[in-house]
Amino acid sequence: MRPREASEIEIPGAEGDFTAMANHAATVTTMRPGVLKVKGVSETSEYVVSGGFVEISASGVSVLAETAMARGDVTREAVDAMVSEAETLASDATPELRDFADKRVTDTKGLIEVLGL
């Protein structure tokens, strides 16, 4: 994504969705698979992310997504590929990371319904 002015950003946080606006508390958090919405003055852009990190600071919001695609470009095949990758990672997960990996699979499969695919 390119840098841009935004009035708010809806973030699919790993522990729940939240919205970052002006004067938001400084935060660094992880993202789960979901839809990231950037609301500008005249338009809203939506991106499907597979996970990553978000940093909110006084100077703005930085998003480091593992993968990000414009919502309009996302196909069922692309989401199926994301699910397959999550399932492969889950099958190879250590016992310590198993719950995290299983949640990732569930969240990624949830994109199919959220996106209406």
PDB file of N, CA and C in Angstrom:
ATOM      1  N   MET A   1       0.843  -1.177   0.000  1.00  0.00           N
ATOM      2  CA  MET A   1       0.000   0.000   0.000  1.00  0.00           C
ATOM      3  C   MET A   1       0.885   1.236   0.000  1.00  0.00           C
ATOM      4  N   ARG A   2       0.397   2.249  -0.582  1.00  0.00           N
ATOM      5  CA  ARG A   2       1.152   3.483  -0.613  1.00  0.00           C
ATOM      6  C   ARG A   2       0.774   4.360   0.575  1.00  0.00           C
ATOM      7  N   PRO A   3       1.690   5.231   1.022  1.00  0.00           N
ATOM      8  CA  PRO A   3       1.337   6.145   2.107  1.00  0.00           C
ATOM      9  C   PRO A   3       0.182   7.054   1.676  1.00  0.00           C
ATOM     10  N   ARG A   4      -0.734   7.331   2.596  1.00  0.00           N
ATOM     11  CA  ARG A   4      -1.871   8.171   2.264  1.00  0.00           C
ATOM     12  C   ARG A   4      -2.505   8.730   3.527  1.00  0.00           C
ATOM     13  N   GLU A   5      -3.295   9.764   3.345  1.00  0.00           N
ATOM     14  CA  GLU A   5      -4.057  10.356   4.439  1.00  0.00           C
ATOM     15  C   GLU A   5      -5.263   9.474   4.722  1.00  0.00           C
ATOM     16  N   ALA A   6      -5.551   9.270   5.989  1.00  0.00           N
ATOM     17  CA  ALA A   6      -6.719   8.474   6.358  1.00  0.00           C
ATOM     18  C   ALA A   6      -7.334   9.057   7.623  1.00  0.00           C
ATOM     19  N   SER A   7      -8.649   9.001   7.702  1.00  0.00           N
ATOM     20  CA  SER A   7      -9.329   9.460   8.909  1.00  0.00           C
ATOM     21  C   SER A   7      -9.451   8.330   9.928  1.00  0.00           C
ATOM     22  N   GLU A   8      -9.474   7.104   9.425  1.00  0.00           N
ATOM     23  CA  GLU A   8      -9.493   5.937  10.307  1.00  0.00           C
ATOM     24  C   GLU A   8      -9.093   4.695   9.536  1.00  0.00           C
ATOM     25  N   ILE A   9      -8.595   3.716  10.289  1.00  0.00           N
ATOM     26  CA  ILE A   9      -8.205   2.446   9.698  1.00  0.00           C
ATOM     27  C   ILE A   9      -8.791   1.334  10.554  1.00  0.00           C
ATOM     28  N   GLU A  10      -9.591   0.482   9.930  1.00  0.00           N
ATOM     29  CA  GLU A  10     -10.158  -0.675  10.618  1.00  0.00           C
ATOM     30  C   GLU A  10      -9.196  -1.842  10.429  1.00  0.00           C
ATOM     31  N   ILE A  11      -8.766  -2.410  11.548  1.00  0.00           N
ATOM     32  CA  ILE A  11      -7.692  -3.394  11.543  1.00  0.00           C
ATOM     33  C   ILE A  11      -8.195  -4.739  12.068  1.00  0.00           C
ATOM     34  N   PRO A  12      -7.919  -5.836  11.332  1.00  0.00           N
ATOM     35  CA  PRO A  12      -8.274  -7.163  11.842  1.00  0.00           C
ATOM     36  C   PRO A  12      -7.195  -7.642  12.820  1.00  0.00           C
ATOM     37  N   GLY A  13      -7.288  -7.168  14.053  1.00  0.00           N
ATOM     38  CA  GLY A  13      -6.286  -7.521  15.063  1.00  0.00           C
ATOM     39  C   GLY A  13      -6.366  -8.988  15.441  1.00  0.00           C
ATOM     40  N   ALA A  14      -5.256  -9.523  15.857  1.00  0.00           N
ATOM     41  CA  ALA A  14      -5.210 -10.934  16.240  1.00  0.00           C
ATOM     42  C   ALA A  14      -6.149 -11.233  17.401  1.00  0.00           C
ATOM     43  N   GLU A  15      -6.394 -10.227  18.257  1.00  0.00           N
ATOM     44  CA  GLU A  15      -7.274 -10.438  19.404  1.00  0.00           C
ATOM     45  C   GLU A  15      -8.624  -9.745  19.226  1.00  0.00           C
ATOM     46  N   GLY A  16      -8.924  -9.342  17.994  1.00  0.00           N
ATOM     47  CA  GLY A  16     -10.207  -8.710  17.699  1.00  0.00           C
ATOM     48  C   GLY A  16     -10.020  -7.491  16.818  1.00  0.00           C
ATOM     49  N   ASP A  17     -11.061  -7.150  16.089  1.00  0.00           N
ATOM     50  CA  ASP A  17     -11.014  -5.991  15.213  1.00  0.00           C
ATOM     51  C   ASP A  17     -10.987  -4.712  16.044  1.00  0.00           C
ATOM     52  N   PHE A  18     -10.288  -3.690  15.541  1.00  0.00           N
ATOM     53  CA  PHE A  18     -10.304  -2.389  16.184  1.00  0.00           C
ATOM     54  C   PHE A  18     -10.058  -1.313  15.145  1.00  0.00           C
ATOM     55  N   THR A  19     -10.365  -0.062  15.514  1.00  0.00           N
ATOM     56  CA  THR A  19     -10.224   1.068  14.613  1.00  0.00           C
ATOM     57  C   THR A  19      -9.201   2.032  15.171  1.00  0.00           C
ATOM     58  N   ALA A  20      -8.237   2.428  14.347  1.00  0.00           N
ATOM     59  CA  ALA A  20      -7.243   3.434  14.722  1.00  0.00           C
ATOM     60  C   ALA A  20      -7.673   4.765  14.117  1.00  0.00           C
ATOM     61  N   MET A  21      -7.706   5.783  14.958  1.00  0.00           N
ATOM     62  CA  MET A  21      -8.069   7.134  14.525  1.00  0.00           C
ATOM     63  C   MET A  21      -7.024   8.106  15.088  1.00  0.00           C
ATOM     64  N   ALA A  22      -7.182   9.372  14.764  1.00  0.00           N
ATOM     65  CA  ALA A  22      -6.268  10.389  15.282  1.00  0.00           C
ATOM     66  C   ALA A  22      -6.202  10.294  16.806  1.00  0.00           C
ATOM     67  N   ASN A  23      -5.016  10.485  17.343  1.00  0.00           N
ATOM     68  CA  ASN A  23      -4.753  10.465  18.783  1.00  0.00           C
ATOM     69  C   ASN A  23      -4.945   9.092  19.429  1.00  0.00           C
ATOM     70  N   HIS A  24      -4.894   8.032  18.634  1.00  0.00           N
ATOM     71  CA  HIS A  24      -4.974   6.675  19.172  1.00  0.00           C
ATOM     72  C   HIS A  24      -3.734   6.411  20.012  1.00  0.00           C
ATOM     73  N   ALA A  25      -3.874   5.635  21.038  1.00  0.00           N
ATOM     74  CA  ALA A  25      -2.731   5.270  21.873  1.00  0.00           C
ATOM     75  C   ALA A  25      -1.697   4.527  21.038  1.00  0.00           C
ATOM     76  N   ALA A  26      -0.430   4.778  21.343  1.00  0.00           N
ATOM     77  CA  ALA A  26       0.644   4.063  20.649  1.00  0.00           C
ATOM     78  C   ALA A  26       0.470   2.566  20.894  1.00  0.00           C
ATOM     79  N   THR A  27       0.526   1.806  19.808  1.00  0.00           N
ATOM     80  CA  THR A  27       0.261   0.373  19.880  1.00  0.00           C
ATOM     81  C   THR A  27       1.079  -0.361  18.828  1.00  0.00           C
ATOM     82  N   VAL A  28       1.542  -1.537  19.181  1.00  0.00           N
ATOM     83  CA  VAL A  28       2.097  -2.472  18.210  1.00  0.00           C
ATOM     84  C   VAL A  28       1.359  -3.781  18.441  1.00  0.00           C
ATOM     85  N   THR A  29       0.786  -4.330  17.374  1.00  0.00           N
ATOM     86  CA  THR A  29       0.009  -5.554  17.522  1.00  0.00           C
ATOM     87  C   THR A  29       0.125  -6.409  16.261  1.00  0.00           C
ATOM     88  N   THR A  30      -0.354  -7.621  16.363  1.00  0.00           N
ATOM     89  CA  THR A  30      -0.367  -8.513  15.211  1.00  0.00           C
ATOM     90  C   THR A  30      -1.748  -8.493  14.574  1.00  0.00           C
ATOM     91  N   MET A  31      -1.777  -8.816  13.286  1.00  0.00           N
ATOM     92  CA  MET A  31      -3.037  -8.935  12.551  1.00  0.00           C
ATOM     93  C   MET A  31      -3.308 -10.401  12.265  1.00  0.00           C
ATOM     94  N   ARG A  32      -4.589 -10.725  12.196  1.00  0.00           N
ATOM     95  CA  ARG A  32      -5.022 -12.045  11.752  1.00  0.00           C
ATOM     96  C   ARG A  32      -5.488 -11.903  10.307  1.00  0.00           C
ATOM     97  N   PRO A  33      -5.715 -12.986   9.600  1.00  0.00           N
ATOM     98  CA  PRO A  33      -6.285 -12.873   8.259  1.00  0.00           C
ATOM     99  C   PRO A  33      -7.628 -12.148   8.329  1.00  0.00           C
ATOM    100  N   GLY A  34      -7.813 -11.183   7.446  1.00  0.00           N
ATOM    101  CA  GLY A  34      -9.053 -10.416   7.449  1.00  0.00           C
ATOM    102  C   GLY A  34      -9.003  -9.268   6.460  1.00  0.00           C
ATOM    103  N   VAL A  35      -9.920  -8.316   6.643  1.00  0.00           N
ATOM    104  CA  VAL A  35     -10.026  -7.164   5.755  1.00  0.00           C
ATOM    105  C   VAL A  35      -9.579  -5.915   6.511  1.00  0.00           C
ATOM    106  N   LEU A  36      -8.603  -5.225   5.956  1.00  0.00           N
ATOM    107  CA  LEU A  36      -8.098  -3.961   6.480  1.00  0.00           C
ATOM    108  C   LEU A  36      -8.757  -2.849   5.680  1.00  0.00           C
ATOM    109  N   LYS A  37      -9.450  -1.923   6.360  1.00  0.00           N
ATOM    110  CA  LYS A  37     -10.160  -0.841   5.670  1.00  0.00           C
ATOM    111  C   LYS A  37      -9.487   0.487   5.993  1.00  0.00           C
ATOM    112  N   VAL A  38      -9.146   1.227   4.949  1.00  0.00           N
ATOM    113  CA  VAL A  38      -8.530   2.539   5.092  1.00  0.00           C
ATOM    114  C   VAL A  38      -9.558   3.560   4.622  1.00  0.00           C
ATOM    115  N   LYS A  39     -10.064   4.357   5.567  1.00  0.00           N
ATOM    116  CA  LYS A  39     -11.087   5.357   5.238  1.00  0.00           C
ATOM    117  C   LYS A  39     -10.431   6.713   5.083  1.00  0.00           C
ATOM    118  N   GLY A  40     -10.497   7.231   3.874  1.00  0.00           N
ATOM    119  CA  GLY A  40      -9.969   8.548   3.585  1.00  0.00           C
ATOM    120  C   GLY A  40     -11.085   9.571   3.535  1.00  0.00           C
ATOM    121  N   VAL A  41     -10.746  10.774   3.157  1.00  0.00           N
ATOM    122  CA  VAL A  41     -11.738  11.845   3.084  1.00  0.00           C
ATOM    123  C   VAL A  41     -12.811  11.528   2.055  1.00  0.00           C
ATOM    124  N   SER A  42     -12.410  11.021   0.894  1.00  0.00           N
ATOM    125  CA  SER A  42     -13.386  10.822  -0.184  1.00  0.00           C
ATOM    126  C   SER A  42     -13.601   9.366  -0.584  1.00  0.00           C
ATOM    127  N   GLU A  43     -12.794   8.455  -0.032  1.00  0.00           N
ATOM    128  CA  GLU A  43     -12.950   7.055  -0.433  1.00  0.00           C
ATOM    129  C   GLU A  43     -12.481   6.108   0.662  1.00  0.00           C
ATOM    130  N   THR A  44     -12.953   4.879   0.565  1.00  0.00           N
ATOM    131  CA  THR A  44     -12.512   3.818   1.458  1.00  0.00           C
ATOM    132  C   THR A  44     -11.871   2.738   0.603  1.00  0.00           C
ATOM    133  N   SER A  45     -10.678   2.327   1.000  1.00  0.00           N
ATOM    134  CA  SER A  45      -9.985   1.237   0.313  1.00  0.00           C
ATOM    135  C   SER A  45      -9.969   0.031   1.240  1.00  0.00           C
ATOM    136  N   GLU A  46     -10.161  -1.144   0.668  1.00  0.00           N
ATOM    137  CA  GLU A  46     -10.155  -2.372   1.452  1.00  0.00           C
ATOM    138  C   GLU A  46      -9.105  -3.319   0.903  1.00  0.00           C
ATOM    139  N   TYR A  47      -8.388  -3.953   1.827  1.00  0.00           N
ATOM    140  CA  TYR A  47      -7.335  -4.891   1.472  1.00  0.00           C
ATOM    141  C   TYR A  47      -7.528  -6.172   2.262  1.00  0.00           C
ATOM    142  N   VAL A  48      -7.352  -7.297   1.611  1.00  0.00           N
ATOM    143  CA  VAL A  48      -7.386  -8.586   2.281  1.00  0.00           C
ATOM    144  C   VAL A  48      -5.953  -8.900   2.683  1.00  0.00           C
ATOM    145  N   VAL A  49      -5.748  -9.120   3.992  1.00  0.00           N
ATOM    146  CA  VAL A  49      -4.419  -9.414   4.512  1.00  0.00           C
ATOM    147  C   VAL A  49      -4.408 -10.817   5.092  1.00  0.00           C
ATOM    148  N   SER A  50      -3.252 -11.450   5.024  1.00  0.00           N
ATOM    149  CA  SER A  50      -3.137 -12.804   5.565  1.00  0.00           C
ATOM    150  C   SER A  50      -2.582 -12.804   6.983  1.00  0.00           C
ATOM    151  N   GLY A  51      -2.211 -11.655   7.467  1.00  0.00           N
ATOM    152  CA  GLY A  51      -1.619 -11.519   8.795  1.00  0.00           C
ATOM    153  C   GLY A  51      -0.519 -10.484   8.722  1.00  0.00           C
ATOM    154  N   GLY A  52       0.142 -10.247   9.829  1.00  0.00           N
ATOM    155  CA  GLY A  52       1.239  -9.294   9.845  1.00  0.00           C
ATOM    156  C   GLY A  52       1.228  -8.474  11.113  1.00  0.00           C
ATOM    157  N   PHE A  53       1.770  -7.268  11.028  1.00  0.00           N
ATOM    158  CA  PHE A  53       1.913  -6.395  12.185  1.00  0.00           C
ATOM    159  C   PHE A  53       1.402  -4.998  11.870  1.00  0.00           C
ATOM    160  N   VAL A  54       0.961  -4.293  12.901  1.00  0.00           N
ATOM    161  CA  VAL A  54       0.525  -2.906  12.794  1.00  0.00           C
ATOM    162  C   VAL A  54       1.202  -2.121  13.907  1.00  0.00           C
ATOM    163  N   GLU A  55       1.742  -0.953  13.542  1.00  0.00           N
ATOM    164  CA  GLU A  55       2.296  -0.036  14.539  1.00  0.00           C
ATOM    165  C   GLU A  55       1.539   1.280  14.439  1.00  0.00           C
ATOM    166  N   ILE A  56       0.974   1.700  15.543  1.00  0.00           N
ATOM    167  CA  ILE A  56       0.267   2.975  15.611  1.00  0.00           C
ATOM    168  C   ILE A  56       1.115   3.898  16.480  1.00  0.00           C
ATOM    169  N   SER A  57       1.449   5.065  15.943  1.00  0.00           N
ATOM    170  CA  SER A  57       2.256   6.031  16.683  1.00  0.00           C
ATOM    171  C   SER A  57       1.706   7.432  16.446  1.00  0.00           C
ATOM    172  N   ALA A  58       2.318   8.408  17.075  1.00  0.00           N
ATOM    173  CA  ALA A  58       1.888   9.795  16.898  1.00  0.00           C
ATOM    174  C   ALA A  58       2.023  10.251  15.449  1.00  0.00           C
ATOM    175  N   SER A  59       2.950   9.632  14.710  1.00  0.00           N
ATOM    176  CA  SER A  59       3.165  10.043  13.319  1.00  0.00           C
ATOM    177  C   SER A  59       2.297   9.294  12.318  1.00  0.00           C
ATOM    178  N   GLY A  60       1.527   8.302  12.758  1.00  0.00           N
ATOM    179  CA  GLY A  60       0.645   7.591  11.851  1.00  0.00           C
ATOM    180  C   GLY A  60       0.577   6.112  12.134  1.00  0.00           C
ATOM    181  N   VAL A  61       0.088   5.380  11.143  1.00  0.00           N
ATOM    182  CA  VAL A  61      -0.073   3.931  11.244  1.00  0.00           C
ATOM    183  C   VAL A  61       0.786   3.276  10.179  1.00  0.00           C
ATOM    184  N   SER A  62       1.560   2.280  10.579  1.00  0.00           N
ATOM    185  CA  SER A  62       2.355   1.489   9.636  1.00  0.00           C
ATOM    186  C   SER A  62       1.832   0.063   9.652  1.00  0.00           C
ATOM    187  N   VAL A  63       1.615  -0.491   8.458  1.00  0.00           N
ATOM    188  CA  VAL A  63       1.128  -1.856   8.324  1.00  0.00           C
ATOM    189  C   VAL A  63       2.183  -2.677   7.607  1.00  0.00           C
ATOM    190  N   LEU A  64       2.566  -3.790   8.210  1.00  0.00           N
ATOM    191  CA  LEU A  64       3.485  -4.729   7.583  1.00  0.00           C
ATOM    192  C   LEU A  64       2.718  -6.043   7.440  1.00  0.00           C
ATOM    193  N   ALA A  65       2.107  -6.222   6.279  1.00  0.00           N
ATOM    194  CA  ALA A  65       1.279  -7.401   6.032  1.00  0.00           C
ATOM    195  C   ALA A  65       2.111  -8.497   5.383  1.00  0.00           C
ATOM    196  N   GLU A  66       1.829  -9.748   5.763  1.00  0.00           N
ATOM    197  CA  GLU A  66       2.490 -10.880   5.113  1.00  0.00           C
ATOM    198  C   GLU A  66       2.128 -10.872   3.635  1.00  0.00           C
ATOM    199  N   THR A  67       0.850 -10.773   3.355  1.00  0.00           N
ATOM    200  CA  THR A  67       0.361 -10.543   1.993  1.00  0.00           C
ATOM    201  C   THR A  67      -0.825  -9.594   2.094  1.00  0.00           C
ATOM    202  N   ALA A  68      -0.987  -8.771   1.073  1.00  0.00           N
ATOM    203  CA  ALA A  68      -2.122  -7.856   1.011  1.00  0.00           C
ATOM    204  C   ALA A  68      -2.554  -7.733  -0.440  1.00  0.00           C
ATOM    205  N   MET A  69      -3.854  -7.849  -0.644  1.00  0.00           N
ATOM    206  CA  MET A  69      -4.419  -7.716  -1.981  1.00  0.00           C
ATOM    207  C   MET A  69      -5.616  -6.785  -1.898  1.00  0.00           C
ATOM    208  N   ALA A  70      -5.789  -5.941  -2.902  1.00  0.00           N
ATOM    209  CA  ALA A  70      -6.989  -5.124  -2.950  1.00  0.00           C
ATOM    210  C   ALA A  70      -8.193  -6.054  -2.942  1.00  0.00           C
ATOM    211  N   ARG A  71      -9.186  -5.731  -2.136  1.00  0.00           N
ATOM    212  CA  ARG A  71     -10.345  -6.618  -1.999  1.00  0.00           C
ATOM    213  C   ARG A  71     -10.961  -6.967  -3.347  1.00  0.00           C
ATOM    214  N   GLY A  72     -11.025  -6.023  -4.245  1.00  0.00           N
ATOM    215  CA  GLY A  72     -11.613  -6.269  -5.558  1.00  0.00           C
ATOM    216  C   GLY A  72     -10.830  -7.240  -6.415  1.00  0.00           C
ATOM    217  N   ASP A  73      -9.568  -7.486  -6.074  1.00  0.00           N
ATOM    218  CA  ASP A  73      -8.714  -8.397  -6.839  1.00  0.00           C
ATOM    219  C   ASP A  73      -8.714  -9.816  -6.276  1.00  0.00           C
ATOM    220  N   VAL A  74      -9.359 -10.025  -5.140  1.00  0.00           N
ATOM    221  CA  VAL A  74      -9.305 -11.322  -4.468  1.00  0.00           C
ATOM    222  C   VAL A  74     -10.315 -12.282  -5.089  1.00  0.00           C
ATOM    223  N   THR A  75      -9.837 -13.458  -5.415  1.00  0.00           N
ATOM    224  CA  THR A  75     -10.680 -14.511  -5.985  1.00  0.00           C
ATOM    225  C   THR A  75     -10.798 -15.667  -5.001  1.00  0.00           C
ATOM    226  N   ARG A  76     -11.750 -16.528  -5.240  1.00  0.00           N
ATOM    227  CA  ARG A  76     -11.897 -17.729  -4.403  1.00  0.00           C
ATOM    228  C   ARG A  76     -10.621 -18.563  -4.469  1.00  0.00           C
ATOM    229  N   GLU A  77     -10.010 -18.622  -5.641  1.00  0.00           N
ATOM    230  CA  GLU A  77      -8.782 -19.403  -5.793  1.00  0.00           C
ATOM    231  C   GLU A  77      -7.657 -18.834  -4.918  1.00  0.00           C
ATOM    232  N   ALA A  78      -7.579 -17.506  -4.828  1.00  0.00           N
ATOM    233  CA  ALA A  78      -6.541 -16.886  -3.999  1.00  0.00           C
ATOM    234  C   ALA A  78      -6.763 -17.213  -2.524  1.00  0.00           C
ATOM    235  N   VAL A  79      -8.013 -17.167  -2.081  1.00  0.00           N
ATOM    236  CA  VAL A  79      -8.305 -17.487  -0.682  1.00  0.00           C
ATOM    237  C   VAL A  79      -8.073 -18.973  -0.428  1.00  0.00           C
ATOM    238  N   ASP A  80      -8.456 -19.826  -1.365  1.00  0.00           N
ATOM    239  CA  ASP A  80      -8.196 -21.262  -1.217  1.00  0.00           C
ATOM    240  C   ASP A  80      -6.700 -21.527  -1.079  1.00  0.00           C
ATOM    241  N   ALA A  81      -5.873 -20.792  -1.821  1.00  0.00           N
ATOM    242  CA  ALA A  81      -4.423 -20.944  -1.717  1.00  0.00           C
ATOM    243  C   ALA A  81      -3.931 -20.500  -0.337  1.00  0.00           C
ATOM    244  N   MET A  82      -4.522 -19.429   0.189  1.00  0.00           N
ATOM    245  CA  MET A  82      -4.154 -18.970   1.535  1.00  0.00           C
ATOM    246  C   MET A  82      -4.541 -20.008   2.581  1.00  0.00           C
ATOM    247  N   VAL A  83      -5.716 -20.620   2.424  1.00  0.00           N
ATOM    248  CA  VAL A  83      -6.161 -21.663   3.349  1.00  0.00           C
ATOM    249  C   VAL A  83      -5.215 -22.855   3.278  1.00  0.00           C
ATOM    250  N   SER A  84      -4.862 -23.254   2.075  1.00  0.00           N
ATOM    251  CA  SER A  84      -3.958 -24.392   1.894  1.00  0.00           C
ATOM    252  C   SER A  84      -2.609 -24.130   2.564  1.00  0.00           C
ATOM    253  N   GLU A  85      -2.091 -22.922   2.391  1.00  0.00           N
ATOM    254  CA  GLU A  85      -0.810 -22.573   3.020  1.00  0.00           C
ATOM    255  C   GLU A  85      -0.930 -22.611   4.546  1.00  0.00           C
ATOM    256  N   ALA A  86      -2.031 -22.073   5.081  1.00  0.00           N
ATOM    257  CA  ALA A  86      -2.240 -22.088   6.535  1.00  0.00           C
ATOM    258  C   ALA A  86      -2.355 -23.519   7.052  1.00  0.00           C
ATOM    259  N   GLU A  87      -3.043 -24.388   6.303  1.00  0.00           N
ATOM    260  CA  GLU A  87      -3.183 -25.787   6.716  1.00  0.00           C
ATOM    261  C   GLU A  87      -1.841 -26.499   6.703  1.00  0.00           C
ATOM    262  N   THR A  88      -1.011 -26.208   5.705  1.00  0.00           N
ATOM    263  CA  THR A  88       0.319 -26.819   5.635  1.00  0.00           C
ATOM    264  C   THR A  88       1.164 -26.384   6.825  1.00  0.00           C
ATOM    265  N   LEU A  89       1.131 -25.094   7.125  1.00  0.00           N
ATOM    266  CA  LEU A  89       1.893 -24.592   8.275  1.00  0.00           C
ATOM    267  C   LEU A  89       1.382 -25.205   9.573  1.00  0.00           C
ATOM    268  N   ALA A  90       0.062 -25.376   9.687  1.00  0.00           N
ATOM    269  CA  ALA A  90      -0.516 -25.959  10.893  1.00  0.00           C
ATOM    270  C   ALA A  90      -0.105 -27.417  11.054  1.00  0.00           C
ATOM    271  N   SER A  91      -0.043 -28.133   9.950  1.00  0.00           N
ATOM    272  CA  SER A  91       0.328 -29.552  10.049  1.00  0.00           C
ATOM    273  C   SER A  91       1.779 -29.728  10.470  1.00  0.00           C
ATOM    274  N   ASP A  92       2.597 -28.709  10.220  1.00  0.00           N
ATOM    275  CA  ASP A  92       4.010 -28.758  10.601  1.00  0.00           C
ATOM    276  C   ASP A  92       4.297 -28.050  11.921  1.00  0.00           C
ATOM    277  N   ALA A  93       3.275 -27.493  12.564  1.00  0.00           N
ATOM    278  CA  ALA A  93       3.472 -26.697  13.775  1.00  0.00           C
ATOM    279  C   ALA A  93       3.929 -27.556  14.947  1.00  0.00           C
ATOM    280  N   THR A  94       4.765 -26.961  15.754  1.00  0.00           N
ATOM    281  CA  THR A  94       5.184 -27.623  16.990  1.00  0.00           C
ATOM    282  C   THR A  94       4.010 -27.595  17.966  1.00  0.00           C
ATOM    283  N   PRO A  95       4.033 -28.458  18.962  1.00  0.00           N
ATOM    284  CA  PRO A  95       2.931 -28.454  19.935  1.00  0.00           C
ATOM    285  C   PRO A  95       2.705 -27.079  20.575  1.00  0.00           C
ATOM    286  N   GLU A  96       3.761 -26.332  20.792  1.00  0.00           N
ATOM    287  CA  GLU A  96       3.639 -25.006  21.412  1.00  0.00           C
ATOM    288  C   GLU A  96       2.886 -24.023  20.518  1.00  0.00           C
ATOM    289  N   LEU A  97       2.986 -24.198  19.211  1.00  0.00           N
ATOM    290  CA  LEU A  97       2.360 -23.268  18.265  1.00  0.00           C
ATOM    291  C   LEU A  97       1.073 -23.814  17.648  1.00  0.00           C
ATOM    292  N   ARG A  98       0.643 -24.976  18.093  1.00  0.00           N
ATOM    293  CA  ARG A  98      -0.503 -25.641  17.475  1.00  0.00           C
ATOM    294  C   ARG A  98      -1.791 -24.810  17.567  1.00  0.00           C
ATOM    295  N   ASP A  99      -2.093 -24.252  18.742  1.00  0.00           N
ATOM    296  CA  ASP A  99      -3.321 -23.458  18.886  1.00  0.00           C
ATOM    297  C   ASP A  99      -3.290 -22.241  17.967  1.00  0.00           C
ATOM    298  N   PHE A 100      -2.160 -21.556  17.915  1.00  0.00           N
ATOM    299  CA  PHE A 100      -2.005 -20.398  17.038  1.00  0.00           C
ATOM    300  C   PHE A 100      -2.215 -20.812  15.583  1.00  0.00           C
ATOM    301  N   ALA A 101      -1.611 -21.917  15.179  1.00  0.00           N
ATOM    302  CA  ALA A 101      -1.706 -22.385  13.791  1.00  0.00           C
ATOM    303  C   ALA A 101      -3.137 -22.780  13.441  1.00  0.00           C
ATOM    304  N   ASP A 102      -3.827 -23.445  14.369  1.00  0.00           N
ATOM    305  CA  ASP A 102      -5.216 -23.833  14.121  1.00  0.00           C
ATOM    306  C   ASP A 102      -6.123 -22.603  14.014  1.00  0.00           C
ATOM    307  N   LYS A 103      -5.875 -21.581  14.843  1.00  0.00           N
ATOM    308  CA  LYS A 103      -6.655 -20.340  14.762  1.00  0.00           C
ATOM    309  C   LYS A 103      -6.425 -19.664  13.422  1.00  0.00           C
ATOM    310  N   ARG A 104      -5.196 -19.718  12.938  1.00  0.00           N
ATOM    311  CA  ARG A 104      -4.869 -19.113  11.633  1.00  0.00           C
ATOM    312  C   ARG A 104      -5.670 -19.789  10.521  1.00  0.00           C
ATOM    313  N   VAL A 105      -5.776 -21.101  10.577  1.00  0.00           N
ATOM    314  CA  VAL A 105      -6.565 -21.835   9.575  1.00  0.00           C
ATOM    315  C   VAL A 105      -8.029 -21.402   9.648  1.00  0.00           C
ATOM    316  N   THR A 106      -8.581 -21.353  10.853  1.00  0.00           N
ATOM    317  CA  THR A 106      -9.981 -20.964  11.033  1.00  0.00           C
ATOM    318  C   THR A 106     -10.219 -19.541  10.534  1.00  0.00           C
ATOM    319  N   ASP A 107      -9.332 -18.608  10.901  1.00  0.00           N
ATOM    320  CA  ASP A 107      -9.478 -17.216  10.458  1.00  0.00           C
ATOM    321  C   ASP A 107      -9.385 -17.107   8.938  1.00  0.00           C
ATOM    322  N   THR A 108      -8.485 -17.855   8.342  1.00  0.00           N
ATOM    323  CA  THR A 108      -8.314 -17.798   6.888  1.00  0.00           C
ATOM    324  C   THR A 108      -9.544 -18.376   6.189  1.00  0.00           C
ATOM    325  N   LYS A 109     -10.068 -19.474   6.690  1.00  0.00           N
ATOM    326  CA  LYS A 109     -11.296 -20.040   6.108  1.00  0.00           C
ATOM    327  C   LYS A 109     -12.457 -19.066   6.252  1.00  0.00           C
ATOM    328  N   GLY A 110     -12.463 -18.293   7.330  1.00  0.00           N
ATOM    329  CA  GLY A 110     -13.521 -17.316   7.556  1.00  0.00           C
ATOM    330  C   GLY A 110     -13.563 -16.228   6.493  1.00  0.00           C
ATOM    331  N   LEU A 111     -12.436 -16.003   5.814  1.00  0.00           N
ATOM    332  CA  LEU A 111     -12.404 -15.004   4.741  1.00  0.00           C
ATOM    333  C   LEU A 111     -13.375 -15.343   3.625  1.00  0.00           C
ATOM    334  N   ILE A 112     -13.609 -16.617   3.381  1.00  0.00           N
ATOM    335  CA  ILE A 112     -14.509 -17.038   2.306  1.00  0.00           C
ATOM    336  C   ILE A 112     -15.899 -16.441   2.537  1.00  0.00           C
ATOM    337  N   GLU A 113     -16.381 -16.548   3.778  1.00  0.00           N
ATOM    338  CA  GLU A 113     -17.713 -16.003   4.092  1.00  0.00           C
ATOM    339  C   GLU A 113     -17.684 -14.481   4.132  1.00  0.00           C
ATOM    340  N   VAL A 114     -16.684 -13.902   4.771  1.00  0.00           N
ATOM    341  CA  VAL A 114     -16.585 -12.441   4.877  1.00  0.00           C
ATOM    342  C   VAL A 114     -16.567 -11.792   3.502  1.00  0.00           C
ATOM    343  N   LEU A 115     -15.863 -12.413   2.573  1.00  0.00           N
ATOM    344  CA  LEU A 115     -15.741 -11.847   1.227  1.00  0.00           C
ATOM    345  C   LEU A 115     -16.862 -12.268   0.290  1.00  0.00           C
ATOM    346  N   GLY A 116     -17.720 -13.171   0.749  1.00  0.00           N
ATOM    347  CA  GLY A 116     -18.835 -13.633  -0.086  1.00  0.00           C
ATOM    348  C   GLY A 116     -18.379 -14.455  -1.271  1.00  0.00           C
ATOM    349  N   LEU A 117     -17.357 -15.273  -1.061  1.00  0.00           N
ATOM    350  CA  LEU A 117     -16.815 -16.081  -2.178  1.00  0.00           C
ATOM    351  C   LEU A 117     -17.369 -17.487  -2.169  1.00  0.00           C
TER     352      LEU A 117
END
